């Protein structure tokens, strides 16, 4: 390790707060961004840097760029709390509305990410319109709710959405993944609900485009599931908005347009990754939904009954099984 890289690592590890690295919050934005780029170039894992140190650098930079204090939306004001999520597109803050209601506030990580936040905004509006119909209201719990919108820093779009964090008993699927994989009975209720969420979105011509564990929120105690992360949403036939670089293994091997088959592939690639290696029947089911050709993959709606039949064959009549994970706020 050369001296400059070692010094950069030591600086990040020693920093107690973001201003230790990037200067005063209300100081020079240009100087702070320049220092971040310098440190990122030295510490990026692609160049041999330590992943944990780089992730800490990114977290500190996100903290330094955080909107100050509160977000003023079109329907209310939201007091920001701590950062509770950092994705490829946005930073998620827990927040409180002026009525005292817990919400989540999603701020794009950069100006270039703004279009993804706008995609999510449009997708959530379509899903809300769909589930506001009494005939489809049963699907509403499977999707986040767009509560308000705002703009910060000269026009960066911000989404205020329903809170589904640890305080509400939720955690993402990546957090419950184990080295040995999940028991098939524990994955079963998650997958049944995900199939319904995906099929519902496809019914209105909406493709999620990023069905990965980090976007699957589960409520272990109540067996609830929310399909979040709609920033890559598209309509069938459109070019995909992008791919999550850290989850390349969950995408189809070749390039293909956005379509229901993309979501079906990713959902079952996630299933295969989450399940224990000994869950042979369920893993075979997943493999059958991951054909190389999109045309060969079944529709999500057609899988609902097929998956239920598999579960009945494997485990008999459905019974409630306590999920072996406790969410701590």
C-alpha atoms as a PDB file:
ATOM      1  CA  UNK A   1       0.000   0.000   0.000  1.00  0.00           C
ATOM      2  CA  UNK A   2       1.510   3.331  -1.028  1.00  0.00           C
ATOM      3  CA  UNK A   3       1.791   6.220   1.408  1.00  0.00           C
ATOM      4  CA  UNK A   4      -1.007   8.319  -0.089  1.00  0.00           C
ATOM      5  CA  UNK A   5      -3.479   5.427  -0.011  1.00  0.00           C
ATOM      6  CA  UNK A   6      -2.489   4.517   3.550  1.00  0.00           C
ATOM      7  CA  UNK A   7      -2.966   8.131   4.676  1.00  0.00           C
ATOM      8  CA  UNK A   8      -6.366   8.277   2.969  1.00  0.00           C
ATOM      9  CA  UNK A   9      -7.465   5.111   4.740  1.00  0.00           C
ATOM     10  CA  UNK A  10      -6.267   6.382   8.097  1.00  0.00           C
ATOM     11  CA  UNK A  11      -8.099   9.680   7.580  1.00  0.00           C
ATOM     12  CA  UNK A  12     -11.399   7.927   6.897  1.00  0.00           C
ATOM     13  CA  UNK A  13     -10.992   5.542   9.820  1.00  0.00           C
ATOM     14  CA  UNK A  14     -10.125   8.395  12.180  1.00  0.00           C
ATOM     15  CA  UNK A  15     -12.952  10.714  11.091  1.00  0.00           C
ATOM     16  CA  UNK A  16     -15.520  11.120  13.852  1.00  0.00           C
ATOM     17  CA  UNK A  17     -17.896  13.081  11.632  1.00  0.00           C
ATOM     18  CA  UNK A  18     -18.184  14.122   8.007  1.00  0.00           C
ATOM     19  CA  UNK A  19     -16.762  17.588   8.556  1.00  0.00           C
ATOM     20  CA  UNK A  20     -13.446  16.046   9.618  1.00  0.00           C
ATOM     21  CA  UNK A  21     -12.960  15.005   5.994  1.00  0.00           C
ATOM     22  CA  UNK A  22     -14.868  17.521   3.897  1.00  0.00           C
ATOM     23  CA  UNK A  23     -14.832  20.724   5.921  1.00  0.00           C
ATOM     24  CA  UNK A  24     -17.747  22.762   7.326  1.00  0.00           C
ATOM     25  CA  UNK A  25     -21.187  21.868   5.977  1.00  0.00           C
ATOM     26  CA  UNK A  26     -21.734  25.456   4.894  1.00  0.00           C
ATOM     27  CA  UNK A  27     -18.191  25.814   3.575  1.00  0.00           C
ATOM     28  CA  UNK A  28     -16.965  25.304   0.036  1.00  0.00           C
ATOM     29  CA  UNK A  29     -19.089  22.659  -1.697  1.00  0.00           C
ATOM     30  CA  UNK A  30     -16.569  22.456  -4.516  1.00  0.00           C
ATOM     31  CA  UNK A  31     -13.674  21.762  -2.146  1.00  0.00           C
ATOM     32  CA  UNK A  32     -15.667  19.094  -0.302  1.00  0.00           C
ATOM     33  CA  UNK A  33     -16.621  17.310  -3.510  1.00  0.00           C
ATOM     34  CA  UNK A  34     -13.039  17.500  -4.767  1.00  0.00           C
ATOM     35  CA  UNK A  35     -11.753  15.897  -1.568  1.00  0.00           C
ATOM     36  CA  UNK A  36     -14.351  13.148  -1.838  1.00  0.00           C
ATOM     37  CA  UNK A  37     -13.310  12.369  -5.413  1.00  0.00           C
ATOM     38  CA  UNK A  38      -9.651  12.262  -4.372  1.00  0.00           C
ATOM     39  CA  UNK A  39     -10.319   9.872  -1.502  1.00  0.00           C
ATOM     40  CA  UNK A  40     -12.695   7.735  -3.573  1.00  0.00           C
ATOM     41  CA  UNK A  41     -10.084   7.305  -6.300  1.00  0.00           C
ATOM     42  CA  UNK A  42      -7.545   6.134  -3.724  1.00  0.00           C
ATOM     43  CA  UNK A  43      -9.855   3.850  -1.767  1.00  0.00           C
ATOM     44  CA  UNK A  44     -12.205   2.345  -4.355  1.00  0.00           C
ATOM     45  CA  UNK A  45     -12.374  -1.466  -4.085  1.00  0.00           C
ATOM     46  CA  UNK A  46     -11.806  -1.809  -7.836  1.00  0.00           C
ATOM     47  CA  UNK A  47      -8.356  -0.396  -7.201  1.00  0.00           C
ATOM     48  CA  UNK A  48      -7.614  -2.693  -4.292  1.00  0.00           C
ATOM     49  CA  UNK A  49      -9.181  -0.606  -1.536  1.00  0.00           C
ATOM     50  CA  UNK A  50     -10.946  -2.049   1.491  1.00  0.00           C
ATOM     51  CA  UNK A  51     -14.714  -2.339   0.958  1.00  0.00           C
ATOM     52  CA  UNK A  52     -15.636  -1.319   4.517  1.00  0.00           C
ATOM     53  CA  UNK A  53     -13.402   1.756   4.429  1.00  0.00           C
ATOM     54  CA  UNK A  54     -14.836   2.819   1.077  1.00  0.00           C
ATOM     55  CA  UNK A  55     -18.401   2.327   2.312  1.00  0.00           C
ATOM     56  CA  UNK A  56     -17.614   4.469   5.357  1.00  0.00           C
ATOM     57  CA  UNK A  57     -16.240   7.178   3.057  1.00  0.00           C
ATOM     58  CA  UNK A  58     -19.445   7.125   0.995  1.00  0.00           C
ATOM     59  CA  UNK A  59     -21.606   7.228   4.138  1.00  0.00           C
ATOM     60  CA  UNK A  60     -19.699  10.217   5.515  1.00  0.00           C
ATOM     61  CA  UNK A  61     -19.998  12.065   2.212  1.00  0.00           C
ATOM     62  CA  UNK A  62     -23.739  11.396   2.111  1.00  0.00           C
ATOM     63  CA  UNK A  63     -23.985  12.720   5.661  1.00  0.00           C
ATOM     64  CA  UNK A  64     -22.024  15.856   4.692  1.00  0.00           C
ATOM     65  CA  UNK A  65     -24.365  16.512   1.762  1.00  0.00           C
ATOM     66  CA  UNK A  66     -27.523  15.866   3.762  1.00  0.00           C
ATOM     67  CA  UNK A  67     -30.246  18.500   3.438  1.00  0.00           C
ATOM     68  CA  UNK A  68     -30.164  20.613   6.568  1.00  0.00           C
ATOM     69  CA  UNK A  69     -32.816  19.969   9.182  1.00  0.00           C
ATOM     70  CA  UNK A  70     -36.061  19.654   7.293  1.00  0.00           C
ATOM     71  CA  UNK A  71     -37.611  19.134   3.876  1.00  0.00           C
ATOM     72  CA  UNK A  72     -40.499  21.366   2.839  1.00  0.00           C
ATOM     73  CA  UNK A  73     -42.846  19.394   0.629  1.00  0.00           C
ATOM     74  CA  UNK A  74     -46.001  20.329  -1.202  1.00  0.00           C
ATOM     75  CA  UNK A  75     -48.196  18.910   1.548  1.00  0.00           C
ATOM     76  CA  UNK A  76     -46.119  19.430   4.658  1.00  0.00           C
ATOM     77  CA  UNK A  77     -42.731  19.767   6.326  1.00  0.00           C
ATOM     78  CA  UNK A  78     -40.585  16.782   7.289  1.00  0.00           C
ATOM     79  CA  UNK A  79     -37.921  16.823   9.975  1.00  0.00           C
ATOM     80  CA  UNK A  80     -35.018  14.622   8.965  1.00  0.00           C
ATOM     81  CA  UNK A  81     -33.512  12.016  11.233  1.00  0.00           C
ATOM     82  CA  UNK A  82     -30.699   9.581  10.622  1.00  0.00           C
ATOM     83  CA  UNK A  83     -29.770   7.943   7.348  1.00  0.00           C
ATOM     84  CA  UNK A  84     -31.358   4.486   7.249  1.00  0.00           C
ATOM     85  CA  UNK A  85     -30.547   3.404   3.712  1.00  0.00           C
ATOM     86  CA  UNK A  86     -27.979   4.094   1.015  1.00  0.00           C
ATOM     87  CA  UNK A  87     -28.668   2.673  -2.408  1.00  0.00           C
ATOM     88  CA  UNK A  88     -27.111   3.143  -5.798  1.00  0.00           C
ATOM     89  CA  UNK A  89     -29.546   5.962  -6.575  1.00  0.00           C
ATOM     90  CA  UNK A  90     -30.666   7.651  -3.367  1.00  0.00           C
ATOM     91  CA  UNK A  91     -30.073   8.161   0.319  1.00  0.00           C
ATOM     92  CA  UNK A  92     -33.009   7.330   2.589  1.00  0.00           C
ATOM     93  CA  UNK A  93     -33.667   9.259   5.794  1.00  0.00           C
ATOM     94  CA  UNK A  94     -36.091   8.440   8.527  1.00  0.00           C
ATOM     95  CA  UNK A  95     -38.171  11.540   9.118  1.00  0.00           C
ATOM     96  CA  UNK A  96     -41.239  12.870  10.888  1.00  0.00           C
ATOM     97  CA  UNK A  97     -44.059  14.856   9.326  1.00  0.00           C
ATOM     98  CA  UNK A  98     -45.335  18.037  10.938  1.00  0.00           C
ATOM     99  CA  UNK A  99     -48.268  15.917  12.135  1.00  0.00           C
ATOM    100  CA  UNK A 100     -45.864  13.574  13.951  1.00  0.00           C
ATOM    101  CA  UNK A 101     -46.176  10.730  11.463  1.00  0.00           C
ATOM    102  CA  UNK A 102     -43.067   8.654  10.668  1.00  0.00           C
ATOM    103  CA  UNK A 103     -42.111   8.773   6.984  1.00  0.00           C
ATOM    104  CA  UNK A 104     -39.102   8.018   4.799  1.00  0.00           C
ATOM    105  CA  UNK A 105     -37.443  10.707   2.685  1.00  0.00           C
ATOM    106  CA  UNK A 106     -35.487   9.675  -0.423  1.00  0.00           C
ATOM    107  CA  UNK A 107     -32.929  12.156  -1.765  1.00  0.00           C
ATOM    108  CA  UNK A 108     -30.965  11.454  -4.982  1.00  0.00           C
ATOM    109  CA  UNK A 109     -27.260  10.976  -4.409  1.00  0.00           C
ATOM    110  CA  UNK A 110     -26.385  13.316  -7.276  1.00  0.00           C
ATOM    111  CA  UNK A 111     -27.967  15.403 -10.001  1.00  0.00           C
ATOM    112  CA  UNK A 112     -27.460  12.452 -12.345  1.00  0.00           C
ATOM    113  CA  UNK A 113     -29.667  10.312 -10.079  1.00  0.00           C
ATOM    114  CA  UNK A 114     -32.593  12.728 -10.239  1.00  0.00           C
ATOM    115  CA  UNK A 115     -34.203  10.969 -13.173  1.00  0.00           C
ATOM    116  CA  UNK A 116     -34.333   7.717 -11.172  1.00  0.00           C
ATOM    117  CA  UNK A 117     -36.174   9.430  -8.313  1.00  0.00           C
ATOM    118  CA  UNK A 118     -38.624  10.811 -10.870  1.00  0.00           C
ATOM    119  CA  UNK A 119     -39.109   7.291 -12.260  1.00  0.00           C
ATOM    120  CA  UNK A 120     -39.965   6.036  -8.803  1.00  0.00           C
ATOM    121  CA  UNK A 121     -42.362   8.939  -8.297  1.00  0.00           C
ATOM    122  CA  UNK A 122     -44.232   8.112 -11.505  1.00  0.00           C
ATOM    123  CA  UNK A 123     -44.328   4.380 -10.705  1.00  0.00           C
ATOM    124  CA  UNK A 124     -45.681   4.876  -7.188  1.00  0.00           C
ATOM    125  CA  UNK A 125     -48.393   7.186  -8.495  1.00  0.00           C
ATOM    126  CA  UNK A 126     -49.505   4.532 -10.975  1.00  0.00           C
ATOM    127  CA  UNK A 127     -49.489   1.851  -8.289  1.00  0.00           C
ATOM    128  CA  UNK A 128     -51.510   4.076  -5.953  1.00  0.00           C
ATOM    129  CA  UNK A 129     -54.094   4.729  -8.655  1.00  0.00           C
ATOM    130  CA  UNK A 130     -54.309   0.978  -9.258  1.00  0.00           C
ATOM    131  CA  UNK A 131     -54.687  -0.003  -5.599  1.00  0.00           C
ATOM    132  CA  UNK A 132     -57.108   2.835  -4.829  1.00  0.00           C
ATOM    133  CA  UNK A 133     -59.641   0.816  -6.818  1.00  0.00           C
ATOM    134  CA  UNK A 134     -61.487  -1.264  -4.183  1.00  0.00           C
ATOM    135  CA  UNK A 135     -61.093  -4.348  -6.372  1.00  0.00           C
ATOM    136  CA  UNK A 136     -57.301  -4.070  -6.109  1.00  0.00           C
ATOM    137  CA  UNK A 137     -56.988  -2.614  -2.604  1.00  0.00           C
ATOM    138  CA  UNK A 138     -55.715  -5.926  -1.224  1.00  0.00           C
ATOM    139  CA  UNK A 139     -52.465  -5.334  -3.143  1.00  0.00           C
ATOM    140  CA  UNK A 140     -51.779  -1.925  -1.551  1.00  0.00           C
ATOM    141  CA  UNK A 141     -49.705  -3.269   1.394  1.00  0.00           C
ATOM    142  CA  UNK A 142     -47.192  -4.745  -1.062  1.00  0.00           C
ATOM    143  CA  UNK A 143     -46.081  -1.328  -2.340  1.00  0.00           C
ATOM    144  CA  UNK A 144     -44.652   1.835  -0.750  1.00  0.00           C
ATOM    145  CA  UNK A 145     -46.991   4.821  -0.755  1.00  0.00           C
ATOM    146  CA  UNK A 146     -45.895   8.172  -2.199  1.00  0.00           C
ATOM    147  CA  UNK A 147     -46.997  10.710   0.409  1.00  0.00           C
ATOM    148  CA  UNK A 148     -45.413  13.928  -0.827  1.00  0.00           C
ATOM    149  CA  UNK A 149     -42.752  15.381  -3.101  1.00  0.00           C
ATOM    150  CA  UNK A 150     -40.247  18.191  -2.726  1.00  0.00           C
ATOM    151  CA  UNK A 151     -37.209  19.754  -4.356  1.00  0.00           C
ATOM    152  CA  UNK A 152     -33.865  20.577  -2.735  1.00  0.00           C
ATOM    153  CA  UNK A 153     -30.541  22.064  -3.807  1.00  0.00           C
ATOM    154  CA  UNK A 154     -31.734  23.868  -6.882  1.00  0.00           C
ATOM    155  CA  UNK A 155     -34.245  21.319  -8.095  1.00  0.00           C
ATOM    156  CA  UNK A 156     -33.115  17.846  -6.976  1.00  0.00           C
ATOM    157  CA  UNK A 157     -36.399  15.889  -6.672  1.00  0.00           C
ATOM    158  CA  UNK A 158     -37.198  14.314  -3.310  1.00  0.00           C
ATOM    159  CA  UNK A 159     -39.797  11.635  -2.583  1.00  0.00           C
ATOM    160  CA  UNK A 160     -41.543  11.307   0.763  1.00  0.00           C
ATOM    161  CA  UNK A 161     -42.835   7.751   1.117  1.00  0.00           C
ATOM    162  CA  UNK A 162     -44.441   5.552   3.732  1.00  0.00           C
ATOM    163  CA  UNK A 163     -42.063   4.332   6.423  1.00  0.00           C
ATOM    164  CA  UNK A 164     -41.106   0.660   6.288  1.00  0.00           C
ATOM    165  CA  UNK A 165     -37.987   0.657   8.445  1.00  0.00           C
ATOM    166  CA  UNK A 166     -36.828  -1.165  11.531  1.00  0.00           C
ATOM    167  CA  UNK A 167     -38.963   1.065  13.739  1.00  0.00           C
ATOM    168  CA  UNK A 168     -41.993  -0.306  11.882  1.00  0.00           C
ATOM    169  CA  UNK A 169     -40.731  -3.889  12.160  1.00  0.00           C
ATOM    170  CA  UNK A 170     -39.351  -4.175   8.620  1.00  0.00           C
ATOM    171  CA  UNK A 171     -35.924  -5.202   7.368  1.00  0.00           C
ATOM    172  CA  UNK A 172     -34.656  -5.917   3.873  1.00  0.00           C
ATOM    173  CA  UNK A 173     -34.169  -9.468   2.665  1.00  0.00           C
ATOM    174  CA  UNK A 174     -30.408  -8.998   2.425  1.00  0.00           C
ATOM    175  CA  UNK A 175     -30.310  -8.544   6.196  1.00  0.00           C
ATOM    176  CA  UNK A 176     -31.937 -11.905   6.873  1.00  0.00           C
ATOM    177  CA  UNK A 177     -29.861 -13.861   4.381  1.00  0.00           C
ATOM    178  CA  UNK A 178     -27.684 -16.488   6.024  1.00  0.00           C
ATOM    179  CA  UNK A 179     -24.519 -18.236   4.931  1.00  0.00           C
ATOM    180  CA  UNK A 180     -26.394 -21.546   4.780  1.00  0.00           C
ATOM    181  CA  UNK A 181     -29.481 -20.082   3.097  1.00  0.00           C
ATOM    182  CA  UNK A 182     -33.076 -19.941   4.279  1.00  0.00           C
ATOM    183  CA  UNK A 183     -35.311 -22.862   5.074  1.00  0.00           C
ATOM    184  CA  UNK A 184     -37.796 -23.243   2.231  1.00  0.00           C
ATOM    185  CA  UNK A 185     -40.709 -22.759   4.625  1.00  0.00           C
ATOM    186  CA  UNK A 186     -39.335 -19.369   5.624  1.00  0.00           C
ATOM    187  CA  UNK A 187     -38.869 -18.266   2.032  1.00  0.00           C
ATOM    188  CA  UNK A 188     -42.295 -19.558   0.992  1.00  0.00           C
ATOM    189  CA  UNK A 189     -44.429 -16.773   2.483  1.00  0.00           C
ATOM    190  CA  UNK A 190     -42.023 -14.130   1.171  1.00  0.00           C
ATOM    191  CA  UNK A 191     -42.147 -15.516  -2.351  1.00  0.00           C
ATOM    192  CA  UNK A 192     -45.931 -15.887  -2.426  1.00  0.00           C
ATOM    193  CA  UNK A 193     -46.311 -12.198  -1.602  1.00  0.00           C
ATOM    194  CA  UNK A 194     -43.617 -11.123  -4.048  1.00  0.00           C
ATOM    195  CA  UNK A 195     -45.334 -12.995  -6.859  1.00  0.00           C
ATOM    196  CA  UNK A 196     -48.514 -11.088  -6.083  1.00  0.00           C
ATOM    197  CA  UNK A 197     -46.711  -7.741  -5.994  1.00  0.00           C
ATOM    198  CA  UNK A 198     -44.917  -8.371  -9.281  1.00  0.00           C
ATOM    199  CA  UNK A 199     -48.042  -9.722 -10.981  1.00  0.00           C
ATOM    200  CA  UNK A 200     -49.991  -6.666  -9.821  1.00  0.00           C
ATOM    201  CA  UNK A 201     -47.417  -4.283 -11.270  1.00  0.00           C
ATOM    202  CA  UNK A 202     -47.327  -6.195 -14.550  1.00  0.00           C
ATOM    203  CA  UNK A 203     -51.093  -5.954 -14.783  1.00  0.00           C
ATOM    204  CA  UNK A 204     -50.802  -2.173 -15.223  1.00  0.00           C
ATOM    205  CA  UNK A 205     -47.842  -2.386 -17.589  1.00  0.00           C
ATOM    206  CA  UNK A 206     -45.177  -1.577 -15.023  1.00  0.00           C
ATOM    207  CA  UNK A 207     -41.819  -3.368 -14.813  1.00  0.00           C
ATOM    208  CA  UNK A 208     -39.887  -3.063 -11.548  1.00  0.00           C
ATOM    209  CA  UNK A 209     -36.462  -3.663 -13.075  1.00  0.00           C
ATOM    210  CA  UNK A 210     -34.499  -4.187  -9.841  1.00  0.00           C
ATOM    211  CA  UNK A 211     -35.920  -7.109  -7.863  1.00  0.00           C
ATOM    212  CA  UNK A 212     -32.953  -7.619  -5.536  1.00  0.00           C
ATOM    213  CA  UNK A 213     -32.830  -8.474  -1.808  1.00  0.00           C
ATOM    214  CA  UNK A 214     -32.183  -4.861  -0.796  1.00  0.00           C
ATOM    215  CA  UNK A 215     -35.482  -3.824  -2.408  1.00  0.00           C
ATOM    216  CA  UNK A 216     -37.514  -6.569  -0.736  1.00  0.00           C
ATOM    217  CA  UNK A 217     -38.705  -5.380   2.675  1.00  0.00           C
ATOM    218  CA  UNK A 218     -40.099  -8.014   5.002  1.00  0.00           C
ATOM    219  CA  UNK A 219     -41.882  -7.873   8.346  1.00  0.00           C
ATOM    220  CA  UNK A 220     -40.714 -11.095  10.025  1.00  0.00           C
ATOM    221  CA  UNK A 221     -43.229 -10.981  12.856  1.00  0.00           C
ATOM    222  CA  UNK A 222     -46.312 -10.209  10.761  1.00  0.00           C
ATOM    223  CA  UNK A 223     -45.169 -11.927   7.550  1.00  0.00           C
ATOM    224  CA  UNK A 224     -45.519  -8.697   5.603  1.00  0.00           C
ATOM    225  CA  UNK A 225     -43.719  -7.910   2.343  1.00  0.00           C
ATOM    226  CA  UNK A 226     -43.195  -4.586   0.567  1.00  0.00           C
ATOM    227  CA  UNK A 227     -41.552  -4.412  -2.856  1.00  0.00           C
ATOM    228  CA  UNK A 228     -39.605  -1.145  -2.686  1.00  0.00           C
ATOM    229  CA  UNK A 229     -36.947   0.502  -4.874  1.00  0.00           C
ATOM    230  CA  UNK A 230     -38.959   1.554  -7.935  1.00  0.00           C
ATOM    231  CA  UNK A 231     -36.226   3.848  -9.286  1.00  0.00           C
ATOM    232  CA  UNK A 232     -35.537   1.533 -12.251  1.00  0.00           C
ATOM    233  CA  UNK A 233     -39.205   1.126 -13.188  1.00  0.00           C
ATOM    234  CA  UNK A 234     -40.062   1.092 -16.879  1.00  0.00           C
ATOM    235  CA  UNK A 235     -42.753   0.069 -19.323  1.00  0.00           C
ATOM    236  CA  UNK A 236     -42.476  -3.120 -21.368  1.00  0.00           C
ATOM    237  CA  UNK A 237     -40.312  -2.651 -24.436  1.00  0.00           C
ATOM    238  CA  UNK A 238     -38.381   0.314 -23.093  1.00  0.00           C
ATOM    239  CA  UNK A 239     -34.635   0.160 -22.626  1.00  0.00           C
ATOM    240  CA  UNK A 240     -33.859  -0.640 -18.975  1.00  0.00           C
ATOM    241  CA  UNK A 241     -32.989   2.424 -16.919  1.00  0.00           C
ATOM    242  CA  UNK A 242     -29.809   0.702 -15.768  1.00  0.00           C
ATOM    243  CA  UNK A 243     -28.487  -2.126 -13.638  1.00  0.00           C
ATOM    244  CA  UNK A 244     -27.356  -2.200 -10.035  1.00  0.00           C
ATOM    245  CA  UNK A 245     -23.643  -2.837 -10.426  1.00  0.00           C
ATOM    246  CA  UNK A 246     -23.276  -4.705  -7.136  1.00  0.00           C
ATOM    247  CA  UNK A 247     -26.081  -7.106  -8.125  1.00  0.00           C
ATOM    248  CA  UNK A 248     -25.043  -8.056 -11.647  1.00  0.00           C
ATOM    249  CA  UNK A 249     -25.400 -11.715 -10.717  1.00  0.00           C
ATOM    250  CA  UNK A 250     -29.168 -11.346 -10.366  1.00  0.00           C
ATOM    251  CA  UNK A 251     -29.770 -10.002 -13.884  1.00  0.00           C
ATOM    252  CA  UNK A 252     -30.246 -12.114 -17.023  1.00  0.00           C
ATOM    253  CA  UNK A 253     -26.925 -12.899 -18.725  1.00  0.00           C
ATOM    254  CA  UNK A 254     -27.716 -10.973 -21.908  1.00  0.00           C
ATOM    255  CA  UNK A 255     -29.096  -7.545 -22.655  1.00  0.00           C
ATOM    256  CA  UNK A 256     -32.858  -7.455 -23.000  1.00  0.00           C
ATOM    257  CA  UNK A 257     -35.530  -4.743 -22.986  1.00  0.00           C
ATOM    258  CA  UNK A 258     -37.579  -4.054 -19.899  1.00  0.00           C
ATOM    259  CA  UNK A 259     -40.450  -6.479 -19.626  1.00  0.00           C
ATOM    260  CA  UNK A 260     -42.307  -8.745 -17.219  1.00  0.00           C
ATOM    261  CA  UNK A 261     -39.810 -11.511 -18.039  1.00  0.00           C
ATOM    262  CA  UNK A 262     -36.996  -9.395 -16.573  1.00  0.00           C
ATOM    263  CA  UNK A 263     -38.745  -9.186 -13.202  1.00  0.00           C
ATOM    264  CA  UNK A 264     -39.552 -12.898 -13.262  1.00  0.00           C
ATOM    265  CA  UNK A 265     -35.901 -13.740 -13.885  1.00  0.00           C
ATOM    266  CA  UNK A 266     -34.603 -11.431 -11.137  1.00  0.00           C
ATOM    267  CA  UNK A 267     -37.179 -12.571  -8.600  1.00  0.00           C
ATOM    268  CA  UNK A 268     -36.180 -16.187  -9.083  1.00  0.00           C
ATOM    269  CA  UNK A 269     -32.455 -15.441  -9.191  1.00  0.00           C
ATOM    270  CA  UNK A 270     -32.996 -13.810  -5.805  1.00  0.00           C
ATOM    271  CA  UNK A 271     -34.971 -16.851  -4.676  1.00  0.00           C
ATOM    272  CA  UNK A 272     -32.141 -19.188  -5.687  1.00  0.00           C
ATOM    273  CA  UNK A 273     -29.622 -17.025  -3.862  1.00  0.00           C
ATOM    274  CA  UNK A 274     -31.670 -16.809  -0.667  1.00  0.00           C
ATOM    275  CA  UNK A 275     -32.594 -20.500  -0.357  1.00  0.00           C
ATOM    276  CA  UNK A 276     -30.496 -23.147   1.338  1.00  0.00           C
ATOM    277  CA  UNK A 277     -28.677 -25.459  -1.058  1.00  0.00           C
ATOM    278  CA  UNK A 278     -30.727 -28.426   0.144  1.00  0.00           C
ATOM    279  CA  UNK A 279     -34.041 -26.895  -0.964  1.00  0.00           C
ATOM    280  CA  UNK A 280     -33.931 -28.894  -4.185  1.00  0.00           C
ATOM    281  CA  UNK A 281     -37.580 -28.613  -5.281  1.00  0.00           C
ATOM    282  CA  UNK A 282     -37.860 -24.883  -4.747  1.00  0.00           C
ATOM    283  CA  UNK A 283     -34.508 -24.289  -6.414  1.00  0.00           C
ATOM    284  CA  UNK A 284     -35.687 -26.308  -9.418  1.00  0.00           C
ATOM    285  CA  UNK A 285     -38.792 -24.107  -9.538  1.00  0.00           C
ATOM    286  CA  UNK A 286     -36.557 -21.020  -9.568  1.00  0.00           C
ATOM    287  CA  UNK A 287     -34.356 -22.435 -12.329  1.00  0.00           C
ATOM    288  CA  UNK A 288     -37.408 -23.050 -14.490  1.00  0.00           C
ATOM    289  CA  UNK A 289     -38.219 -19.337 -14.302  1.00  0.00           C
ATOM    290  CA  UNK A 290     -34.717 -18.252 -15.332  1.00  0.00           C
ATOM    291  CA  UNK A 291     -34.604 -19.369 -18.954  1.00  0.00           C
ATOM    292  CA  UNK A 292     -32.104 -17.468 -21.096  1.00  0.00           C
ATOM    293  CA  UNK A 293     -34.830 -16.463 -23.536  1.00  0.00           C
ATOM    294  CA  UNK A 294     -37.387 -14.026 -22.073  1.00  0.00           C
ATOM    295  CA  UNK A 295     -40.095 -15.736 -24.136  1.00  0.00           C
ATOM    296  CA  UNK A 296     -39.499 -18.992 -22.285  1.00  0.00           C
ATOM    297  CA  UNK A 297     -40.088 -17.510 -18.833  1.00  0.00           C
ATOM    298  CA  UNK A 298     -43.582 -17.867 -17.358  1.00  0.00           C
ATOM    299  CA  UNK A 299     -45.704 -14.862 -16.405  1.00  0.00           C
ATOM    300  CA  UNK A 300     -45.817 -13.990 -12.713  1.00  0.00           C
ATOM    301  CA  UNK A 301     -49.592 -14.339 -12.603  1.00  0.00           C
ATOM    302  CA  UNK A 302     -49.328 -17.891 -13.974  1.00  0.00           C
ATOM    303  CA  UNK A 303     -46.865 -18.809 -11.243  1.00  0.00           C
ATOM    304  CA  UNK A 304     -49.210 -17.991  -8.361  1.00  0.00           C
ATOM    305  CA  UNK A 305     -51.160 -21.238  -8.439  1.00  0.00           C
ATOM    306  CA  UNK A 306     -48.168 -23.284  -9.568  1.00  0.00           C
ATOM    307  CA  UNK A 307     -46.095 -22.141  -6.591  1.00  0.00           C
ATOM    308  CA  UNK A 308     -48.947 -22.780  -4.161  1.00  0.00           C
ATOM    309  CA  UNK A 309     -49.278 -26.308  -5.565  1.00  0.00           C
ATOM    310  CA  UNK A 310     -45.559 -26.874  -5.025  1.00  0.00           C
ATOM    311  CA  UNK A 311     -45.786 -25.674  -1.423  1.00  0.00           C
ATOM    312  CA  UNK A 312     -48.772 -27.905  -0.703  1.00  0.00           C
ATOM    313  CA  UNK A 313     -46.923 -30.854  -2.192  1.00  0.00           C
ATOM    314  CA  UNK A 314     -43.843 -30.098  -0.080  1.00  0.00           C
ATOM    315  CA  UNK A 315     -45.365 -29.047   3.235  1.00  0.00           C
ATOM    316  CA  UNK A 316     -49.090 -29.831   3.206  1.00  0.00           C
ATOM    317  CA  UNK A 317     -51.713 -27.306   4.394  1.00  0.00           C
ATOM    318  CA  UNK A 318     -50.306 -23.864   5.153  1.00  0.00           C
ATOM    319  CA  UNK A 319     -49.588 -23.052   8.790  1.00  0.00           C
ATOM    320  CA  UNK A 320     -48.012 -19.985  10.369  1.00  0.00           C
ATOM    321  CA  UNK A 321     -44.299 -20.504  11.023  1.00  0.00           C
ATOM    322  CA  UNK A 322     -42.358 -18.018  13.117  1.00  0.00           C
ATOM    323  CA  UNK A 323     -39.562 -16.443  11.077  1.00  0.00           C
ATOM    324  CA  UNK A 324     -36.174 -16.923  12.806  1.00  0.00           C
ATOM    325  CA  UNK A 325     -35.157 -13.256  12.851  1.00  0.00           C
ATOM    326  CA  UNK A 326     -35.913 -10.467  15.304  1.00  0.00           C
ATOM    327  CA  UNK A 327     -35.913  -6.868  14.100  1.00  0.00           C
ATOM    328  CA  UNK A 328     -34.336  -4.405  16.515  1.00  0.00           C
ATOM    329  CA  UNK A 329     -34.932  -0.693  15.987  1.00  0.00           C
END
